[in-house]
C-alpha atoms as a PDB file:
ATOM      1  CA  MET A   1     -41.328  -5.925  49.572  1.00  0.00           C
ATOM      2  CA  LEU A   2     -38.412  -3.550  49.040  1.00  0.00           C
ATOM      3  CA  ASP A   3     -40.626  -1.192  47.073  1.00  0.00           C
ATOM      4  CA  LEU A   4     -43.178  -1.201  49.891  1.00  0.00           C
ATOM      5  CA  MET A   5     -40.472  -0.496  52.469  1.00  0.00           C
ATOM      6  CA  GLN A   6     -39.159   2.341  50.329  1.00  0.00           C
ATOM      7  CA  HIS A   7     -42.665   3.763  49.953  1.00  0.00           C
ATOM      8  CA  ILE A   8     -43.204   3.675  53.731  1.00  0.00           C
ATOM      9  CA  ALA A   9     -39.787   5.216  54.413  1.00  0.00           C
ATOM     10  CA  VAL A  10     -40.394   8.039  51.935  1.00  0.00           C
ATOM     11  CA  ARG A  11     -43.844   8.719  53.410  1.00  0.00           C
ATOM     12  CA  CYS A  12     -42.376   8.794  56.939  1.00  0.00           C
ATOM     13  CA  ALA A  13     -39.369  10.940  55.963  1.00  0.00           C
ATOM     14  CA  PRO A  14     -40.959  14.214  57.165  1.00  0.00           C
ATOM     15  CA  ALA A  15     -41.190  12.674  60.657  1.00  0.00           C
ATOM     16  CA  ARG A  16     -37.417  12.129  60.772  1.00  0.00           C
ATOM     17  CA  ALA A  17     -36.760  15.412  62.587  1.00  0.00           C
ATOM     18  CA  VAL A  18     -39.458  14.631  65.145  1.00  0.00           C
ATOM     19  CA  LEU A  19     -38.000  11.164  65.706  1.00  0.00           C
ATOM     20  CA  MET A  20     -34.542  12.625  66.200  1.00  0.00           C
ATOM     21  CA  GLY A  21     -35.988  15.056  68.746  1.00  0.00           C
ATOM     22  CA  LEU A  22     -37.727  12.204  70.547  1.00  0.00           C
ATOM     23  CA  ALA A  23     -34.471  10.237  70.590  1.00  0.00           C
ATOM     24  CA  LEU A  24     -32.723  13.240  72.127  1.00  0.00           C
ATOM     25  CA  VAL A  25     -35.472  13.621  74.739  1.00  0.00           C
ATOM     26  CA  GLY A  26     -35.264   9.910  75.550  1.00  0.00           C
ATOM     27  CA  ALA A  27     -31.483  10.020  75.877  1.00  0.00           C
ATOM     28  CA  LEU A  28     -31.599  13.124  78.078  1.00  0.00           C
ATOM     29  CA  ALA A  29     -34.358  11.688  80.276  1.00  0.00           C
ATOM     30  CA  ALA A  30     -32.483   8.408  80.677  1.00  0.00           C
ATOM     31  CA  GLY A  31     -29.250  10.220  81.527  1.00  0.00           C
ATOM     32  CA  ILE A  32     -30.935  12.530  84.010  1.00  0.00           C
ATOM     33  CA  SER A  33     -32.769   9.640  85.670  1.00  0.00           C
ATOM     34  CA  LEU A  34     -29.479   7.782  86.125  1.00  0.00           C
ATOM     35  CA  VAL A  35     -27.661  10.777  87.594  1.00  0.00           C
ATOM     36  CA  ALA A  36     -30.253  12.801  89.486  1.00  0.00           C
ATOM     37  CA  PHE A  37     -32.585  10.239  91.076  1.00  0.00           C
ATOM     38  CA  GLU A  38     -32.277   7.328  93.454  1.00  0.00           C
ATOM     39  CA  ALA A  39     -32.602   3.856  91.971  1.00  0.00           C
ATOM     40  CA  ALA A  40     -36.341   3.232  92.504  1.00  0.00           C
ATOM     41  CA  LYS A  41     -37.465   6.754  91.609  1.00  0.00           C
ATOM     42  CA  GLY A  42     -35.124   6.944  88.626  1.00  0.00           C
ATOM     43  CA  ASP A  43     -36.468   3.706  87.174  1.00  0.00           C
ATOM     44  CA  LEU A  44     -39.901   5.271  86.794  1.00  0.00           C
ATOM     45  CA  ILE A  45     -38.378   7.708  84.303  1.00  0.00           C
ATOM     46  CA  LEU A  46     -35.590   5.502  82.949  1.00  0.00           C
ATOM     47  CA  PHE A  47     -37.709   2.671  81.559  1.00  0.00           C
ATOM     48  CA  PRO A  48     -40.085   4.779  79.423  1.00  0.00           C
ATOM     49  CA  ALA A  49     -37.138   6.917  78.311  1.00  0.00           C
ATOM     50  CA  LEU A  50     -35.276   3.823  77.101  1.00  0.00           C
ATOM     51  CA  VAL A  51     -38.308   2.593  75.145  1.00  0.00           C
ATOM     52  CA  LEU A  52     -38.743   6.046  73.598  1.00  0.00           C
ATOM     53  CA  LEU A  53     -35.065   6.170  72.676  1.00  0.00           C
ATOM     54  CA  LEU A  54     -35.138   2.658  71.206  1.00  0.00           C
ATOM     55  CA  TRP A  55     -38.131   3.256  68.938  1.00  0.00           C
ATOM     56  CA  ALA A  56     -37.100   6.741  67.881  1.00  0.00           C
ATOM     57  CA  VAL A  57     -33.652   5.517  66.838  1.00  0.00           C
ATOM     58  CA  LEU A  58     -35.196   2.523  65.083  1.00  0.00           C
ATOM     59  CA  GLY A  59     -37.505   4.855  63.153  1.00  0.00           C
ATOM     60  CA  VAL A  60     -34.651   7.139  62.091  1.00  0.00           C
ATOM     61  CA  VAL A  61     -32.562   4.175  60.978  1.00  0.00           C
ATOM     62  CA  PHE A  62     -35.500   2.793  58.980  1.00  0.00           C
ATOM     63  CA  ILE A  63     -36.053   6.101  57.198  1.00  0.00           C
ATOM     64  CA  ASP A  64     -32.357   6.620  56.475  1.00  0.00           C
ATOM     65  CA  LEU A  65     -31.781   3.062  55.310  1.00  0.00           C
ATOM     66  CA  PHE A  66     -34.801   2.434  53.110  1.00  0.00           C
ATOM     67  CA  ALA A  67     -35.632   5.854  51.640  1.00  0.00           C
ATOM     68  CA  ARG A  68     -33.223   5.306  48.722  1.00  0.00           C
ATOM     69  CA  ILE A  69     -33.226   1.738  47.451  1.00  0.00           C
ATOM     70  CA  PRO A  70     -31.653   1.041  44.056  1.00  0.00           C
ATOM     71  CA  MET A  71     -34.133   0.281  41.281  1.00  0.00           C
ATOM     72  CA  ALA A  72     -34.422  -3.231  39.915  1.00  0.00           C
ATOM     73  CA  PRO A  73     -31.863  -3.788  37.156  1.00  0.00           C
ATOM     74  CA  ALA A  74     -33.116  -3.307  33.615  1.00  0.00           C
ATOM     75  CA  ALA A  75     -32.454  -5.794  30.844  1.00  0.00           C
ATOM     76  CA  GLY A  76     -29.019  -5.326  29.322  1.00  0.00           C
ATOM     77  CA  GLY A  77     -26.544  -2.889  30.804  1.00  0.00           C
ATOM     78  CA  GLY A  78     -23.642  -5.256  31.420  1.00  0.00           C
ATOM     79  CA  TRP A  79     -21.718  -4.749  34.640  1.00  0.00           C
ATOM     80  CA  ARG A  80     -24.035  -1.949  35.863  1.00  0.00           C
ATOM     81  CA  ARG A  81     -26.914  -4.411  35.841  1.00  0.00           C
ATOM     82  CA  TRP A  82     -24.807  -6.830  37.866  1.00  0.00           C
ATOM     83  CA  VAL A  83     -23.870  -4.129  40.422  1.00  0.00           C
ATOM     84  CA  GLN A  84     -27.482  -2.948  40.736  1.00  0.00           C
ATOM     85  CA  GLY A  85     -28.622  -6.526  41.273  1.00  0.00           C
ATOM     86  CA  LEU A  86     -25.956  -7.023  43.929  1.00  0.00           C
ATOM     87  CA  LEU A  87     -26.968  -3.816  45.725  1.00  0.00           C
ATOM     88  CA  ARG A  88     -30.604  -4.853  45.605  1.00  0.00           C
ATOM     89  CA  ARG A  89     -29.719  -8.238  47.140  1.00  0.00           C
ATOM     90  CA  LEU A  90     -27.823  -6.409  49.864  1.00  0.00           C
ATOM     91  CA  TYR A  91     -30.962  -4.401  50.625  1.00  0.00           C
ATOM     92  CA  TRP A  92     -32.931  -7.654  50.890  1.00  0.00           C
ATOM     93  CA  LEU A  93     -30.425  -8.809  53.478  1.00  0.00           C
ATOM     94  CA  LEU A  94     -30.699  -5.464  55.306  1.00  0.00           C
ATOM     95  CA  ALA A  95     -34.501  -5.702  55.213  1.00  0.00           C
ATOM     96  CA  ALA A  96     -34.408  -9.174  56.761  1.00  0.00           C
ATOM     97  CA  GLY A  97     -31.987  -7.965  59.425  1.00  0.00           C
ATOM     98  CA  PHE A  98     -34.151  -4.934  60.126  1.00  0.00           C
ATOM     99  CA  LEU A  99     -37.213  -7.158  60.489  1.00  0.00           C
ATOM    100  CA  ILE A 100     -35.359  -9.284  63.046  1.00  0.00           C
ATOM    101  CA  LEU A 101     -34.149  -6.123  64.807  1.00  0.00           C
ATOM    102  CA  GLY A 102     -37.739  -4.864  64.955  1.00  0.00           C
ATOM    103  CA  LEU A 103     -38.913  -8.121  66.531  1.00  0.00           C
ATOM    104  CA  VAL A 104     -36.109  -7.892  69.092  1.00  0.00           C
ATOM    105  CA  ALA A 105     -37.136  -4.287  69.812  1.00  0.00           C
ATOM    106  CA  VAL A 106     -40.715  -5.406  70.438  1.00  0.00           C
ATOM    107  CA  ASP A 107     -39.489  -8.076  72.855  1.00  0.00           C
ATOM    108  CA  VAL A 108     -37.196  -5.632  74.669  1.00  0.00           C
ATOM    109  CA  SER A 109     -39.978  -3.034  74.860  1.00  0.00           C
ATOM    110  CA  LEU A 110     -42.391  -5.568  76.341  1.00  0.00           C
ATOM    111  CA  SER A 111     -39.791  -6.668  78.896  1.00  0.00           C
ATOM    112  CA  ILE A 112     -39.065  -3.074  79.886  1.00  0.00           C
ATOM    113  CA  ALA A 113     -42.787  -2.280  80.120  1.00  0.00           C
ATOM    114  CA  ARG A 114     -43.375  -5.352  82.275  1.00  0.00           C
ATOM    115  CA  GLU A 115     -40.592  -4.323  84.667  1.00  0.00           C
ATOM    116  CA  TRP A 116     -41.838  -0.741  84.741  1.00  0.00           C
ATOM    117  CA  LEU A 117     -45.370  -1.851  85.572  1.00  0.00           C
ATOM    118  CA  ASN A 118     -44.085  -4.195  88.280  1.00  0.00           C
ATOM    119  CA  ASP A 119     -42.127  -1.317  89.840  1.00  0.00           C
ATOM    120  CA  ARG A 120     -45.271   0.841  89.891  1.00  0.00           C
ATOM    121  CA  ALA A 121     -47.470  -1.844  91.465  1.00  0.00           C
ATOM    122  CA  PRO A 122     -48.156  -1.593  95.185  1.00  0.00           C
ATOM    123  CA  ILE A 123     -45.926  -3.780  97.350  1.00  0.00           C
ATOM    124  CA  GLY A 124     -48.639  -6.381  98.058  1.00  0.00           C
ATOM    125  CA  GLN A 125     -49.434  -6.863  94.361  1.00  0.00           C
ATOM    126  CA  ALA A 126     -45.887  -7.100  92.976  1.00  0.00           C
ATOM    127  CA  LYS A 127     -44.829 -10.544  91.786  1.00  0.00           C
END
């Protein structure tokens, strides 16, 4: 699984600059919507900007974290083999944490999208 995550992160590495730009756009849009607009009008920009910011930052963190995973320890090697094995176990823990973080991000995104769609619904149709 770690090798697959590394492969995906390396393949997505060229998109890192684009993701950082999207994160900047999301942060600027969220900040502007909080400062420049009234509450109801600002929410129409704020909610999509927060989702964009969340996923762009999550993508950058994924690329930065999993692009360089230590190789599996070779036979022999003494203490270096032990350190490599320990680092690899740490990456397993990080991968599990990142998977949980991704599931939380999906839940948060769905909640934000639901609220955004409810705000855009006509008054008679809002729940």
